[in-house]
Amino acid sequence: MIRLFSLLLLTLAPACLRAQTVWPSIEIIDARMKTHRGSFVVVTADSLTVQTAAGQATLQRNTIARVSRRLPGAKRRQILLGAAVGGGAALAIGAIADRRFANEGRNHLAKAILTPIGVGAGAALGAASGGWETVYRAKAIARPTP
């Protein structure tokens, strides 16, 4: 729903956005694959303006390849989700290993060792996955084959 609303804002209603700040953090990748990160300023029918660290950058719509916005709280959610999935997977593997080695007197050792490792690995992967949502992607241009 948010993605559809954002796409509608970019494509159908540029006039209503002239005085509003929609996204506090935005990432634009142009056709040359140059990244522009900053805060959203204004959009018109044929351009988008963003405030970057180097100053304001106005990009023409036909040169924009992708627009992404930073999701609030996404990094925290990704870390917690990664930790839960990693911990659950490690706990399942530890339970299987404990069942295998139960006759050797090592009860619950594999679960005790693998679960914290899985939680840490899952949290690290969740943190590395990013918190950006793509709200606009330009259609691919078919190149003629030689």
C-alpha atoms as a PDB file:
ATOM      1  CA  MET A   1       0.000   0.000   0.000  1.00  0.00           C
ATOM      2  CA  ILE A   2       2.800   2.436   0.893  1.00  0.00           C
ATOM      3  CA  ARG A   3       4.682   1.472  -2.250  1.00  0.00           C
ATOM      4  CA  LEU A   4       1.631   2.127  -4.409  1.00  0.00           C
ATOM      5  CA  PHE A   5       1.002   5.471  -2.700  1.00  0.00           C
ATOM      6  CA  SER A   6       4.624   6.512  -3.207  1.00  0.00           C
ATOM      7  CA  LEU A   7       4.532   5.500  -6.854  1.00  0.00           C
ATOM      8  CA  LEU A   8       1.358   7.511  -7.343  1.00  0.00           C
ATOM      9  CA  LEU A   9       3.032  10.505  -5.741  1.00  0.00           C
ATOM     10  CA  LEU A  10       5.967  10.253  -8.135  1.00  0.00           C
ATOM     11  CA  THR A  11       3.964   9.716 -11.277  1.00  0.00           C
ATOM     12  CA  LEU A  12       0.465  11.147 -10.998  1.00  0.00           C
ATOM     13  CA  ALA A  13       0.427  14.036  -8.550  1.00  0.00           C
ATOM     14  CA  PRO A  14       3.628  16.087  -8.772  1.00  0.00           C
ATOM     15  CA  ALA A  15       1.875  19.428  -8.229  1.00  0.00           C
ATOM     16  CA  CYS A  16       0.712  18.577  -4.705  1.00  0.00           C
ATOM     17  CA  LEU A  17       4.270  17.811  -3.579  1.00  0.00           C
ATOM     18  CA  ARG A  18       5.863  21.167  -4.282  1.00  0.00           C
ATOM     19  CA  ALA A  19       5.661  22.373  -0.668  1.00  0.00           C
ATOM     20  CA  GLN A  20       5.756  19.055   1.183  1.00  0.00           C
ATOM     21  CA  THR A  21       8.580  16.929   2.469  1.00  0.00           C
ATOM     22  CA  VAL A  22       7.463  13.351   1.895  1.00  0.00           C
ATOM     23  CA  TRP A  23      10.559  11.322   2.749  1.00  0.00           C
ATOM     24  CA  PRO A  24      13.217  12.447   5.216  1.00  0.00           C
ATOM     25  CA  SER A  25      15.845  10.228   3.586  1.00  0.00           C
ATOM     26  CA  ILE A  26      15.890   9.311  -0.084  1.00  0.00           C
ATOM     27  CA  GLU A  27      18.317   7.601  -2.445  1.00  0.00           C
ATOM     28  CA  ILE A  28      18.207   8.238  -6.187  1.00  0.00           C
ATOM     29  CA  ILE A  29      20.237   6.283  -8.697  1.00  0.00           C
ATOM     30  CA  ASP A  30      20.505   7.957 -12.074  1.00  0.00           C
ATOM     31  CA  ALA A  31      21.001   6.379 -15.504  1.00  0.00           C
ATOM     32  CA  ARG A  32      24.812   6.568 -15.103  1.00  0.00           C
ATOM     33  CA  MET A  33      24.447   4.542 -11.832  1.00  0.00           C
ATOM     34  CA  LYS A  34      25.514   7.514  -9.709  1.00  0.00           C
ATOM     35  CA  THR A  35      23.895   7.527  -6.258  1.00  0.00           C
ATOM     36  CA  HIS A  36      22.386  10.696  -4.790  1.00  0.00           C
ATOM     37  CA  ARG A  37      21.470  10.434  -1.090  1.00  0.00           C
ATOM     38  CA  GLY A  38      19.767  13.140   0.850  1.00  0.00           C
ATOM     39  CA  SER A  39      16.380  14.539   1.732  1.00  0.00           C
ATOM     40  CA  PHE A  40      13.510  14.990  -0.671  1.00  0.00           C
ATOM     41  CA  VAL A  41      12.805  18.600  -1.655  1.00  0.00           C
ATOM     42  CA  VAL A  42      10.358  18.837  -4.556  1.00  0.00           C
ATOM     43  CA  VAL A  43       9.083  16.952  -7.575  1.00  0.00           C
ATOM     44  CA  THR A  44       7.632  18.358 -10.783  1.00  0.00           C
ATOM     45  CA  ALA A  45       6.212  16.664 -13.848  1.00  0.00           C
ATOM     46  CA  ASP A  46       9.670  16.185 -15.363  1.00  0.00           C
ATOM     47  CA  SER A  47      12.204  16.488 -12.519  1.00  0.00           C
ATOM     48  CA  LEU A  48      12.986  15.572  -8.925  1.00  0.00           C
ATOM     49  CA  THR A  49      15.047  17.728  -6.556  1.00  0.00           C
ATOM     50  CA  VAL A  50      16.934  16.294  -3.597  1.00  0.00           C
ATOM     51  CA  GLN A  51      19.062  18.042  -0.946  1.00  0.00           C
ATOM     52  CA  THR A  52      22.388  16.185  -0.720  1.00  0.00           C
ATOM     53  CA  ALA A  53      25.517  16.864   1.326  1.00  0.00           C
ATOM     54  CA  ALA A  54      27.005  18.630  -1.716  1.00  0.00           C
ATOM     55  CA  GLY A  55      23.924  20.833  -2.211  1.00  0.00           C
ATOM     56  CA  GLN A  56      20.674  20.585  -4.121  1.00  0.00           C
ATOM     57  CA  ALA A  57      20.610  18.217  -7.069  1.00  0.00           C
ATOM     58  CA  THR A  58      17.843  18.361  -9.666  1.00  0.00           C
ATOM     59  CA  LEU A  59      17.497  15.254 -11.785  1.00  0.00           C
ATOM     60  CA  GLN A  60      15.385  14.971 -14.895  1.00  0.00           C
ATOM     61  CA  ARG A  61      12.811  12.193 -14.772  1.00  0.00           C
ATOM     62  CA  ASN A  62      14.148  10.420 -17.872  1.00  0.00           C
ATOM     63  CA  THR A  63      17.578  10.094 -16.204  1.00  0.00           C
ATOM     64  CA  ILE A  64      16.304   8.489 -12.980  1.00  0.00           C
ATOM     65  CA  ALA A  65      16.806   4.720 -12.821  1.00  0.00           C
ATOM     66  CA  ARG A  66      15.603   4.069  -9.263  1.00  0.00           C
ATOM     67  CA  VAL A  67      14.231   5.933  -6.251  1.00  0.00           C
ATOM     68  CA  SER A  68      14.401   4.368  -2.783  1.00  0.00           C
ATOM     69  CA  ARG A  69      13.345   5.659   0.603  1.00  0.00           C
ATOM     70  CA  ARG A  70      14.697   4.771   4.010  1.00  0.00           C
ATOM     71  CA  LEU A  71      12.128   2.953   6.077  1.00  0.00           C
ATOM     72  CA  PRO A  72      11.772   4.193   9.656  1.00  0.00           C
ATOM     73  CA  GLY A  73      12.771   1.460  12.097  1.00  0.00           C
ATOM     74  CA  ALA A  74      13.694  -0.935   9.288  1.00  0.00           C
ATOM     75  CA  LYS A  75      17.224  -1.585  10.512  1.00  0.00           C
ATOM     76  CA  ARG A  76      16.030  -2.560  13.985  1.00  0.00           C
ATOM     77  CA  ARG A  77      13.328  -4.796  12.495  1.00  0.00           C
ATOM     78  CA  GLN A  78      15.833  -6.478  10.150  1.00  0.00           C
ATOM     79  CA  ILE A  79      18.252  -7.142  13.019  1.00  0.00           C
ATOM     80  CA  LEU A  80      15.543  -8.630  15.244  1.00  0.00           C
ATOM     81  CA  LEU A  81      14.114 -10.720  12.419  1.00  0.00           C
ATOM     82  CA  GLY A  82      17.576 -11.998  11.484  1.00  0.00           C
ATOM     83  CA  ALA A  83      18.336 -12.865  15.105  1.00  0.00           C
ATOM     84  CA  ALA A  84      15.032 -14.739  15.469  1.00  0.00           C
ATOM     85  CA  VAL A  85      15.487 -16.728  12.256  1.00  0.00           C
ATOM     86  CA  GLY A  86      19.160 -17.454  12.953  1.00  0.00           C
ATOM     87  CA  GLY A  87      18.427 -18.476  16.540  1.00  0.00           C
ATOM     88  CA  GLY A  88      15.530 -20.704  15.486  1.00  0.00           C
ATOM     89  CA  ALA A  89      17.568 -22.422  12.789  1.00  0.00           C
ATOM     90  CA  ALA A  90      20.513 -22.940  15.143  1.00  0.00           C
ATOM     91  CA  LEU A  91      18.191 -24.266  17.848  1.00  0.00           C
ATOM     92  CA  ALA A  92      16.705 -26.785  15.395  1.00  0.00           C
ATOM     93  CA  ILE A  93      20.151 -27.917  14.244  1.00  0.00           C
ATOM     94  CA  GLY A  94      21.277 -28.098  17.881  1.00  0.00           C
ATOM     95  CA  ALA A  95      18.258 -30.251  18.781  1.00  0.00           C
ATOM     96  CA  ILE A  96      19.113 -32.658  15.971  1.00  0.00           C
ATOM     97  CA  ALA A  97      22.759 -32.775  17.043  1.00  0.00           C
ATOM     98  CA  ASP A  98      21.800 -33.266  20.708  1.00  0.00           C
ATOM     99  CA  ARG A  99      19.611 -36.206  19.754  1.00  0.00           C
ATOM    100  CA  ARG A 100      22.530 -37.702  17.857  1.00  0.00           C
ATOM    101  CA  PHE A 101      25.028 -37.295  20.687  1.00  0.00           C
ATOM    102  CA  ALA A 102      22.679 -37.937  23.663  1.00  0.00           C
ATOM    103  CA  ASN A 103      24.162 -41.382  24.316  1.00  0.00           C
ATOM    104  CA  GLU A 104      27.619 -39.863  24.855  1.00  0.00           C
ATOM    105  CA  GLY A 105      26.563 -37.806  27.874  1.00  0.00           C
ATOM    106  CA  ARG A 106      26.507 -34.448  26.077  1.00  0.00           C
ATOM    107  CA  ASN A 107      22.919 -33.433  26.731  1.00  0.00           C
ATOM    108  CA  HIS A 108      21.941 -29.978  25.413  1.00  0.00           C
ATOM    109  CA  LEU A 109      25.530 -29.027  24.609  1.00  0.00           C
ATOM    110  CA  ALA A 110      24.949 -28.478  20.890  1.00  0.00           C
ATOM    111  CA  LYS A 111      21.884 -26.294  21.552  1.00  0.00           C
ATOM    112  CA  ALA A 112      23.840 -24.270  24.113  1.00  0.00           C
ATOM    113  CA  ILE A 113      26.694 -23.686  21.670  1.00  0.00           C
ATOM    114  CA  LEU A 114      24.855 -23.275  18.354  1.00  0.00           C
ATOM    115  CA  THR A 115      21.933 -21.070  19.435  1.00  0.00           C
ATOM    116  CA  PRO A 116      23.995 -17.977  20.403  1.00  0.00           C
ATOM    117  CA  ILE A 117      26.084 -18.395  17.260  1.00  0.00           C
ATOM    118  CA  GLY A 118      22.920 -18.523  15.151  1.00  0.00           C
ATOM    119  CA  VAL A 119      21.448 -15.473  16.879  1.00  0.00           C
ATOM    120  CA  GLY A 120      24.632 -13.483  16.279  1.00  0.00           C
ATOM    121  CA  ALA A 121      24.979 -14.573  12.662  1.00  0.00           C
ATOM    122  CA  GLY A 122      21.322 -13.854  11.947  1.00  0.00           C
ATOM    123  CA  ALA A 123      21.521 -10.409  13.541  1.00  0.00           C
ATOM    124  CA  ALA A 124      24.642  -9.603  11.507  1.00  0.00           C
ATOM    125  CA  LEU A 125      22.955 -10.669   8.274  1.00  0.00           C
ATOM    126  CA  GLY A 126      19.861  -8.680   9.195  1.00  0.00           C
ATOM    127  CA  ALA A 127      21.959  -5.577   9.831  1.00  0.00           C
ATOM    128  CA  ALA A 128      23.711  -6.003   6.493  1.00  0.00           C
ATOM    129  CA  SER A 129      20.475  -6.382   4.541  1.00  0.00           C
ATOM    130  CA  GLY A 130      19.669  -2.660   4.610  1.00  0.00           C
ATOM    131  CA  GLY A 131      16.514  -0.725   5.242  1.00  0.00           C
ATOM    132  CA  TRP A 132      15.686   0.835   1.877  1.00  0.00           C
ATOM    133  CA  GLU A 133      12.421   0.368  -0.007  1.00  0.00           C
ATOM    134  CA  THR A 134      12.382   0.897  -3.770  1.00  0.00           C
ATOM    135  CA  VAL A 135       9.429   3.129  -4.636  1.00  0.00           C
ATOM    136  CA  TYR A 136      10.206   3.734  -8.318  1.00  0.00           C
ATOM    137  CA  ARG A 137      12.172   1.785 -10.877  1.00  0.00           C
ATOM    138  CA  ALA A 138      12.465   2.830 -14.502  1.00  0.00           C
ATOM    139  CA  LYS A 139      11.430   0.331 -17.114  1.00  0.00           C
ATOM    140  CA  ALA A 140      14.282  -1.503 -18.780  1.00  0.00           C
ATOM    141  CA  ILE A 141      15.130  -0.292 -22.260  1.00  0.00           C
ATOM    142  CA  ALA A 142      15.436  -3.055 -24.821  1.00  0.00           C
ATOM    143  CA  ARG A 143      18.772  -2.780 -26.603  1.00  0.00           C
ATOM    144  CA  PRO A 144      19.063  -4.013 -30.163  1.00  0.00           C
ATOM    145  CA  THR A 145      21.198  -7.109 -30.485  1.00  0.00           C
ATOM    146  CA  PRO A 146      24.177  -6.734 -32.819  1.00  0.00           C
END
